[in-house]
C-alpha atoms as a PDB file:
ATOM      1  CA  UNK A   1      17.509 -18.666   3.842  1.00  0.00           C
ATOM      2  CA  UNK A   2      19.466 -15.945   3.024  1.00  0.00           C
ATOM      3  CA  UNK A   3      17.797 -12.445   2.316  1.00  0.00           C
ATOM      4  CA  UNK A   4      17.020 -11.814  -1.248  1.00  0.00           C
ATOM      5  CA  UNK A   5      16.885  -8.053  -0.698  1.00  0.00           C
ATOM      6  CA  UNK A   6      19.418  -5.412   0.459  1.00  0.00           C
ATOM      7  CA  UNK A   7      16.490  -2.743   1.489  1.00  0.00           C
ATOM      8  CA  UNK A   8      13.416  -1.520  -0.243  1.00  0.00           C
ATOM      9  CA  UNK A   9      14.960   0.559  -2.519  1.00  0.00           C
ATOM     10  CA  UNK A  10      16.767  -2.260  -3.990  1.00  0.00           C
ATOM     11  CA  UNK A  11      13.645  -4.710  -4.305  1.00  0.00           C
ATOM     12  CA  UNK A  12      11.605  -1.784  -6.074  1.00  0.00           C
ATOM     13  CA  UNK A  13      14.547  -1.295  -8.560  1.00  0.00           C
ATOM     14  CA  UNK A  14      14.367  -5.097  -9.226  1.00  0.00           C
ATOM     15  CA  UNK A  15      10.701  -4.944  -9.457  1.00  0.00           C
ATOM     16  CA  UNK A  16      10.701  -2.109 -11.394  1.00  0.00           C
ATOM     17  CA  UNK A  17      12.410  -3.900 -14.344  1.00  0.00           C
ATOM     18  CA  UNK A  18       9.829  -6.437 -14.486  1.00  0.00           C
ATOM     19  CA  UNK A  19       7.246  -3.814 -15.392  1.00  0.00           C
ATOM     20  CA  UNK A  20       8.969  -1.938 -17.642  1.00  0.00           C
ATOM     21  CA  UNK A  21       5.826  -2.075 -19.979  1.00  0.00           C
ATOM     22  CA  UNK A  22       4.405   0.186 -17.772  1.00  0.00           C
ATOM     23  CA  UNK A  23       6.718   2.227 -18.305  1.00  0.00           C
ATOM     24  CA  UNK A  24       6.019   6.417 -19.684  1.00  0.00           C
ATOM     25  CA  UNK A  25       2.608   5.864 -19.766  1.00  0.00           C
ATOM     26  CA  UNK A  26      -0.172   8.696 -19.120  1.00  0.00           C
ATOM     27  CA  UNK A  27      -2.658   7.032 -18.093  1.00  0.00           C
ATOM     28  CA  UNK A  28      -0.901   4.792 -15.286  1.00  0.00           C
ATOM     29  CA  UNK A  29       0.310   5.680 -11.741  1.00  0.00           C
ATOM     30  CA  UNK A  30       1.654   4.415  -8.917  1.00  0.00           C
ATOM     31  CA  UNK A  31       0.083   4.067  -6.058  1.00  0.00           C
ATOM     32  CA  UNK A  32       1.835   3.102  -2.357  1.00  0.00           C
ATOM     33  CA  UNK A  33       0.549   1.791   0.970  1.00  0.00           C
ATOM     34  CA  UNK A  34       2.607   3.661   3.687  1.00  0.00           C
ATOM     35  CA  UNK A  35       4.988   3.441   5.019  1.00  0.00           C
ATOM     36  CA  UNK A  36       7.242   0.571   3.901  1.00  0.00           C
ATOM     37  CA  UNK A  37       5.852   0.672   0.511  1.00  0.00           C
ATOM     38  CA  UNK A  38       6.356   4.121  -0.100  1.00  0.00           C
ATOM     39  CA  UNK A  39      10.756   3.116  -1.070  1.00  0.00           C
ATOM     40  CA  UNK A  40       9.029   0.238  -2.970  1.00  0.00           C
ATOM     41  CA  UNK A  41       6.694   2.464  -4.990  1.00  0.00           C
ATOM     42  CA  UNK A  42       9.192   5.183  -5.198  1.00  0.00           C
ATOM     43  CA  UNK A  43      11.950   3.474  -6.901  1.00  0.00           C
ATOM     44  CA  UNK A  44       9.107   1.807  -9.529  1.00  0.00           C
ATOM     45  CA  UNK A  45       7.755   5.491 -10.400  1.00  0.00           C
ATOM     46  CA  UNK A  46      11.470   7.213 -10.782  1.00  0.00           C
ATOM     47  CA  UNK A  47      12.483   4.062 -13.191  1.00  0.00           C
ATOM     48  CA  UNK A  48       9.248   3.901 -15.109  1.00  0.00           C
ATOM     49  CA  UNK A  49       8.959   7.789 -15.252  1.00  0.00           C
ATOM     50  CA  UNK A  50       4.930   7.783 -13.446  1.00  0.00           C
ATOM     51  CA  UNK A  51       3.451   9.584 -10.692  1.00  0.00           C
ATOM     52  CA  UNK A  52       3.788   8.488  -7.149  1.00  0.00           C
ATOM     53  CA  UNK A  53       0.846   9.017  -4.491  1.00  0.00           C
ATOM     54  CA  UNK A  54      -0.252   7.097  -1.174  1.00  0.00           C
ATOM     55  CA  UNK A  55      -3.304   5.034  -0.437  1.00  0.00           C
ATOM     56  CA  UNK A  56      -3.585   4.576   3.252  1.00  0.00           C
ATOM     57  CA  UNK A  57      -5.400   2.056   5.507  1.00  0.00           C
ATOM     58  CA  UNK A  58      -6.181   2.120   9.390  1.00  0.00           C
ATOM     59  CA  UNK A  59      -6.818  -1.005  10.921  1.00  0.00           C
ATOM     60  CA  UNK A  60     -10.137  -0.627  13.034  1.00  0.00           C
ATOM     61  CA  UNK A  61      -8.534  -3.094  16.062  1.00  0.00           C
ATOM     62  CA  UNK A  62     -10.881  -4.698  18.666  1.00  0.00           C
ATOM     63  CA  UNK A  63     -10.825  -2.076  22.237  1.00  0.00           C
ATOM     64  CA  UNK A  64      -8.225  -4.204  24.333  1.00  0.00           C
ATOM     65  CA  UNK A  65      -7.202  -6.497  21.701  1.00  0.00           C
ATOM     66  CA  UNK A  66      -5.733  -3.953  19.036  1.00  0.00           C
ATOM     67  CA  UNK A  67      -4.128  -6.329  16.650  1.00  0.00           C
ATOM     68  CA  UNK A  68      -7.321  -8.468  16.737  1.00  0.00           C
ATOM     69  CA  UNK A  69      -9.299  -6.384  13.567  1.00  0.00           C
ATOM     70  CA  UNK A  70     -12.713  -5.427  13.523  1.00  0.00           C
ATOM     71  CA  UNK A  71     -12.692  -3.519  10.220  1.00  0.00           C
ATOM     72  CA  UNK A  72     -10.267  -1.133   8.396  1.00  0.00           C
ATOM     73  CA  UNK A  73     -10.810   2.175   6.698  1.00  0.00           C
ATOM     74  CA  UNK A  74      -8.530   3.657   3.856  1.00  0.00           C
ATOM     75  CA  UNK A  75      -8.238   7.051   1.916  1.00  0.00           C
ATOM     76  CA  UNK A  76     -11.619   7.516  -0.228  1.00  0.00           C
ATOM     77  CA  UNK A  77     -14.021   6.938   2.922  1.00  0.00           C
ATOM     78  CA  UNK A  78     -13.763   3.361   2.302  1.00  0.00           C
ATOM     79  CA  UNK A  79     -15.084   1.519   5.489  1.00  0.00           C
ATOM     80  CA  UNK A  80     -14.845  -2.412   5.193  1.00  0.00           C
ATOM     81  CA  UNK A  81     -15.944  -4.212   8.569  1.00  0.00           C
ATOM     82  CA  UNK A  82     -15.270  -7.550   9.742  1.00  0.00           C
ATOM     83  CA  UNK A  83     -19.148  -8.747  11.095  1.00  0.00           C
ATOM     84  CA  UNK A  84     -18.171 -11.825  12.146  1.00  0.00           C
ATOM     85  CA  UNK A  85     -15.985 -10.169  14.736  1.00  0.00           C
ATOM     86  CA  UNK A  86     -17.908  -7.722  15.754  1.00  0.00           C
ATOM     87  CA  UNK A  87     -21.004  -9.852  16.239  1.00  0.00           C
ATOM     88  CA  UNK A  88     -18.863 -12.790  18.248  1.00  0.00           C
ATOM     89  CA  UNK A  89     -17.206 -10.311  20.642  1.00  0.00           C
ATOM     90  CA  UNK A  90     -20.567  -8.307  20.936  1.00  0.00           C
ATOM     91  CA  UNK A  91     -18.759  -5.056  20.261  1.00  0.00           C
ATOM     92  CA  UNK A  92     -21.340  -2.011  20.422  1.00  0.00           C
ATOM     93  CA  UNK A  93     -21.790   0.379  17.994  1.00  0.00           C
ATOM     94  CA  UNK A  94     -20.559   3.372  20.168  1.00  0.00           C
ATOM     95  CA  UNK A  95     -17.550   1.395  20.457  1.00  0.00           C
ATOM     96  CA  UNK A  96     -17.072   0.896  16.935  1.00  0.00           C
ATOM     97  CA  UNK A  97     -17.782   4.353  16.505  1.00  0.00           C
ATOM     98  CA  UNK A  98     -14.876   5.299  19.112  1.00  0.00           C
ATOM     99  CA  UNK A  99     -12.107   3.300  17.271  1.00  0.00           C
ATOM    100  CA  UNK A 100     -13.348   4.600  13.610  1.00  0.00           C
ATOM    101  CA  UNK A 101     -13.494   8.315  14.957  1.00  0.00           C
ATOM    102  CA  UNK A 102      -9.746   7.853  16.473  1.00  0.00           C
ATOM    103  CA  UNK A 103      -8.707   5.796  12.959  1.00  0.00           C
ATOM    104  CA  UNK A 104     -10.152   8.703  10.925  1.00  0.00           C
ATOM    105  CA  UNK A 105      -8.154  11.318  12.697  1.00  0.00           C
ATOM    106  CA  UNK A 106      -5.068   9.109  11.966  1.00  0.00           C
ATOM    107  CA  UNK A 107      -5.904   8.643   8.383  1.00  0.00           C
ATOM    108  CA  UNK A 108      -6.496  12.510   7.814  1.00  0.00           C
ATOM    109  CA  UNK A 109      -3.045  13.726   9.935  1.00  0.00           C
ATOM    110  CA  UNK A 110      -0.947  10.670   7.855  1.00  0.00           C
ATOM    111  CA  UNK A 111      -2.338  12.167   4.629  1.00  0.00           C
ATOM    112  CA  UNK A 112      -1.434  15.890   5.660  1.00  0.00           C
ATOM    113  CA  UNK A 113       1.612  14.663   6.829  1.00  0.00           C
ATOM    114  CA  UNK A 114       2.982  13.053   3.855  1.00  0.00           C
ATOM    115  CA  UNK A 115       1.451  15.260   0.922  1.00  0.00           C
ATOM    116  CA  UNK A 116       1.905  18.801   2.502  1.00  0.00           C
ATOM    117  CA  UNK A 117      -0.167  21.021   0.905  1.00  0.00           C
ATOM    118  CA  UNK A 118      -0.219  18.667  -2.312  1.00  0.00           C
ATOM    119  CA  UNK A 119      -3.552  17.464  -3.415  1.00  0.00           C
ATOM    120  CA  UNK A 120      -4.145  13.506  -4.067  1.00  0.00           C
ATOM    121  CA  UNK A 121      -3.482  12.412  -7.745  1.00  0.00           C
ATOM    122  CA  UNK A 122      -6.847  11.767  -9.533  1.00  0.00           C
ATOM    123  CA  UNK A 123      -7.397   8.426 -10.040  1.00  0.00           C
ATOM    124  CA  UNK A 124     -10.920   7.951 -12.067  1.00  0.00           C
ATOM    125  CA  UNK A 125     -10.361   6.361 -15.334  1.00  0.00           C
ATOM    126  CA  UNK A 126      -6.531   5.297 -14.622  1.00  0.00           C
ATOM    127  CA  UNK A 127      -4.173   2.145 -14.342  1.00  0.00           C
ATOM    128  CA  UNK A 128      -2.991   1.810 -10.931  1.00  0.00           C
ATOM    129  CA  UNK A 129       0.142  -0.303  -9.514  1.00  0.00           C
ATOM    130  CA  UNK A 130      -0.396  -0.878  -6.291  1.00  0.00           C
ATOM    131  CA  UNK A 131       2.807  -1.456  -4.049  1.00  0.00           C
ATOM    132  CA  UNK A 132       3.847  -2.534  -0.830  1.00  0.00           C
ATOM    133  CA  UNK A 133       6.816  -3.964   0.515  1.00  0.00           C
ATOM    134  CA  UNK A 134       5.882  -7.765   1.258  1.00  0.00           C
ATOM    135  CA  UNK A 135       2.131  -8.893   1.874  1.00  0.00           C
ATOM    136  CA  UNK A 136       1.832 -11.116   4.406  1.00  0.00           C
ATOM    137  CA  UNK A 137      -2.213 -11.938   5.076  1.00  0.00           C
ATOM    138  CA  UNK A 138      -3.158  -8.878   2.166  1.00  0.00           C
ATOM    139  CA  UNK A 139      -5.851  -7.701   4.563  1.00  0.00           C
ATOM    140  CA  UNK A 140      -4.572  -3.841   4.080  1.00  0.00           C
ATOM    141  CA  UNK A 141      -3.863  -4.636   0.621  1.00  0.00           C
ATOM    142  CA  UNK A 142      -8.154  -5.742   0.157  1.00  0.00           C
ATOM    143  CA  UNK A 143      -8.927  -2.432   1.806  1.00  0.00           C
ATOM    144  CA  UNK A 144      -6.802  -1.031  -0.763  1.00  0.00           C
ATOM    145  CA  UNK A 145      -8.008  -2.439  -3.294  1.00  0.00           C
ATOM    146  CA  UNK A 146     -11.832  -1.524  -2.480  1.00  0.00           C
ATOM    147  CA  UNK A 147     -10.885   2.164  -2.106  1.00  0.00           C
ATOM    148  CA  UNK A 148      -9.722   2.329  -5.356  1.00  0.00           C
ATOM    149  CA  UNK A 149     -12.889   0.470  -6.909  1.00  0.00           C
ATOM    150  CA  UNK A 150     -14.594   3.481  -5.138  1.00  0.00           C
ATOM    151  CA  UNK A 151     -12.844   5.892  -7.329  1.00  0.00           C
ATOM    152  CA  UNK A 152     -13.631   3.999 -10.513  1.00  0.00           C
ATOM    153  CA  UNK A 153     -10.154   2.953 -11.462  1.00  0.00           C
ATOM    154  CA  UNK A 154      -9.545   1.505 -15.079  1.00  0.00           C
ATOM    155  CA  UNK A 155      -7.084  -1.184 -14.106  1.00  0.00           C
ATOM    156  CA  UNK A 156      -5.173  -2.538 -10.954  1.00  0.00           C
ATOM    157  CA  UNK A 157      -1.856  -4.298 -10.547  1.00  0.00           C
ATOM    158  CA  UNK A 158      -0.932  -5.364  -7.503  1.00  0.00           C
ATOM    159  CA  UNK A 159       2.826  -5.331  -7.067  1.00  0.00           C
ATOM    160  CA  UNK A 160       5.426  -6.726  -4.001  1.00  0.00           C
ATOM    161  CA  UNK A 161       8.473  -7.824  -3.793  1.00  0.00           C
ATOM    162  CA  UNK A 162       7.379 -11.026  -1.725  1.00  0.00           C
ATOM    163  CA  UNK A 163       4.769 -12.587  -0.822  1.00  0.00           C
ATOM    164  CA  UNK A 164       3.650 -16.505   0.042  1.00  0.00           C
ATOM    165  CA  UNK A 165       1.282 -18.484  -2.714  1.00  0.00           C
ATOM    166  CA  UNK A 166      -1.739 -18.126  -0.506  1.00  0.00           C
ATOM    167  CA  UNK A 167      -1.930 -14.221  -1.233  1.00  0.00           C
ATOM    168  CA  UNK A 168      -1.768 -14.709  -4.972  1.00  0.00           C
ATOM    169  CA  UNK A 169      -4.555 -17.098  -5.071  1.00  0.00           C
ATOM    170  CA  UNK A 170      -6.670 -14.493  -2.752  1.00  0.00           C
ATOM    171  CA  UNK A 171      -5.766 -11.287  -4.529  1.00  0.00           C
ATOM    172  CA  UNK A 172      -5.858 -12.884  -8.458  1.00  0.00           C
ATOM    173  CA  UNK A 173      -9.972 -12.997  -8.425  1.00  0.00           C
ATOM    174  CA  UNK A 174      -9.899  -9.083  -7.070  1.00  0.00           C
ATOM    175  CA  UNK A 175      -7.309  -7.288  -9.252  1.00  0.00           C
ATOM    176  CA  UNK A 176      -6.372  -6.885 -13.361  1.00  0.00           C
ATOM    177  CA  UNK A 177      -2.275  -8.398 -12.092  1.00  0.00           C
ATOM    178  CA  UNK A 178      -1.085  -9.756  -9.412  1.00  0.00           C
ATOM    179  CA  UNK A 179       2.961  -9.570  -9.430  1.00  0.00           C
ATOM    180  CA  UNK A 180       5.306 -10.895  -7.059  1.00  0.00           C
ATOM    181  CA  UNK A 181       9.072 -11.402  -7.617  1.00  0.00           C
ATOM    182  CA  UNK A 182       9.178 -14.015  -4.396  1.00  0.00           C
ATOM    183  CA  UNK A 183       6.384 -16.456  -3.816  1.00  0.00           C
ATOM    184  CA  UNK A 184       7.906 -18.757  -1.469  1.00  0.00           C
ATOM    185  CA  UNK A 185       5.903 -21.303   0.450  1.00  0.00           C
ATOM    186  CA  UNK A 186       8.519 -21.281   3.022  1.00  0.00           C
ATOM    187  CA  UNK A 187       7.029 -17.060   3.947  1.00  0.00           C
ATOM    188  CA  UNK A 188       7.743 -16.870   7.798  1.00  0.00           C
ATOM    189  CA  UNK A 189       7.105 -12.709   7.291  1.00  0.00           C
ATOM    190  CA  UNK A 190       7.610 -10.015   4.963  1.00  0.00           C
ATOM    191  CA  UNK A 191      11.151  -9.127   7.145  1.00  0.00           C
ATOM    192  CA  UNK A 192      12.539 -12.293   6.429  1.00  0.00           C
ATOM    193  CA  UNK A 193      13.340 -11.749   3.034  1.00  0.00           C
ATOM    194  CA  UNK A 194      15.320  -8.651   3.526  1.00  0.00           C
ATOM    195  CA  UNK A 195      19.128  -7.751   4.628  1.00  0.00           C
ATOM    196  CA  UNK A 196      17.418  -4.203   6.501  1.00  0.00           C
ATOM    197  CA  UNK A 197      14.113  -4.545   7.191  1.00  0.00           C
ATOM    198  CA  UNK A 198      14.269  -0.973   9.227  1.00  0.00           C
ATOM    199  CA  UNK A 199      10.962   0.533  10.020  1.00  0.00           C
ATOM    200  CA  UNK A 200      10.107   3.215   7.300  1.00  0.00           C
ATOM    201  CA  UNK A 201       9.623   6.848   9.256  1.00  0.00           C
ATOM    202  CA  UNK A 202       6.927   9.527   8.282  1.00  0.00           C
ATOM    203  CA  UNK A 203       9.576  11.795   7.288  1.00  0.00           C
ATOM    204  CA  UNK A 204      11.024   9.631   4.887  1.00  0.00           C
ATOM    205  CA  UNK A 205       7.116   8.912   3.642  1.00  0.00           C
ATOM    206  CA  UNK A 206       7.197  12.786   2.996  1.00  0.00           C
ATOM    207  CA  UNK A 207      10.338  13.403   1.296  1.00  0.00           C
ATOM    208  CA  UNK A 208      10.223  10.703  -1.290  1.00  0.00           C
ATOM    209  CA  UNK A 209       6.522  12.265  -1.899  1.00  0.00           C
ATOM    210  CA  UNK A 210       8.213  15.609  -2.211  1.00  0.00           C
ATOM    211  CA  UNK A 211      10.991  14.057  -4.472  1.00  0.00           C
ATOM    212  CA  UNK A 212       8.231  12.307  -6.785  1.00  0.00           C
ATOM    213  CA  UNK A 213       6.433  15.669  -7.166  1.00  0.00           C
ATOM    214  CA  UNK A 214       9.570  17.006  -8.529  1.00  0.00           C
ATOM    215  CA  UNK A 215       9.511  17.555 -12.205  1.00  0.00           C
ATOM    216  CA  UNK A 216      12.230  15.047 -13.809  1.00  0.00           C
ATOM    217  CA  UNK A 217      14.627  17.618 -14.360  1.00  0.00           C
ATOM    218  CA  UNK A 218      15.062  19.288 -11.130  1.00  0.00           C
ATOM    219  CA  UNK A 219      14.482  15.423  -9.107  1.00  0.00           C
ATOM    220  CA  UNK A 220      17.828  14.395 -11.378  1.00  0.00           C
ATOM    221  CA  UNK A 221      19.486  17.840  -9.841  1.00  0.00           C
END
């Protein structure tokens, strides 16, 4: 199977074409999950002439087995715990607190690095287009959705270039709209669908957010 997207920027432009009815709406913003979601979301925000910001999610990994999530935290002070993992592995409150403190510091570092001195966009009452470069399990996206609900947004549209069909069925009850360009049965990971799936750097995230924050006349120059 050949890749369907040259890179994240092309995927964003293609996705923007399917979201044109949201263009230039004063009540709508685009939010990206860093890092890979930012180049996709940047193209959507630029094409639709909408503000761009990020919502940052940090996994709380089990000590010694960090790939296994016992929970997650997100921008806005949202905290979601996987009680089944915590109880089955007998993870004590001290161990959980230590991991959460470390990840909270990293979350704050990333917010400061990505935004610089720019304040987060106010989201209360807004329609939010929540974007990633692809959705595999949907765990980070679910935490981000929880963070947005805490901020009393009006509507949430989840948009991604590619996701397996199972994610669609899991996401649709949680959001107002779900859209993916591709929903292949033979998914086998997000990177498979890109020719260039090079990791997005913190510097790239900062630069794209900086560009998006400029007035349109300056961005075009």
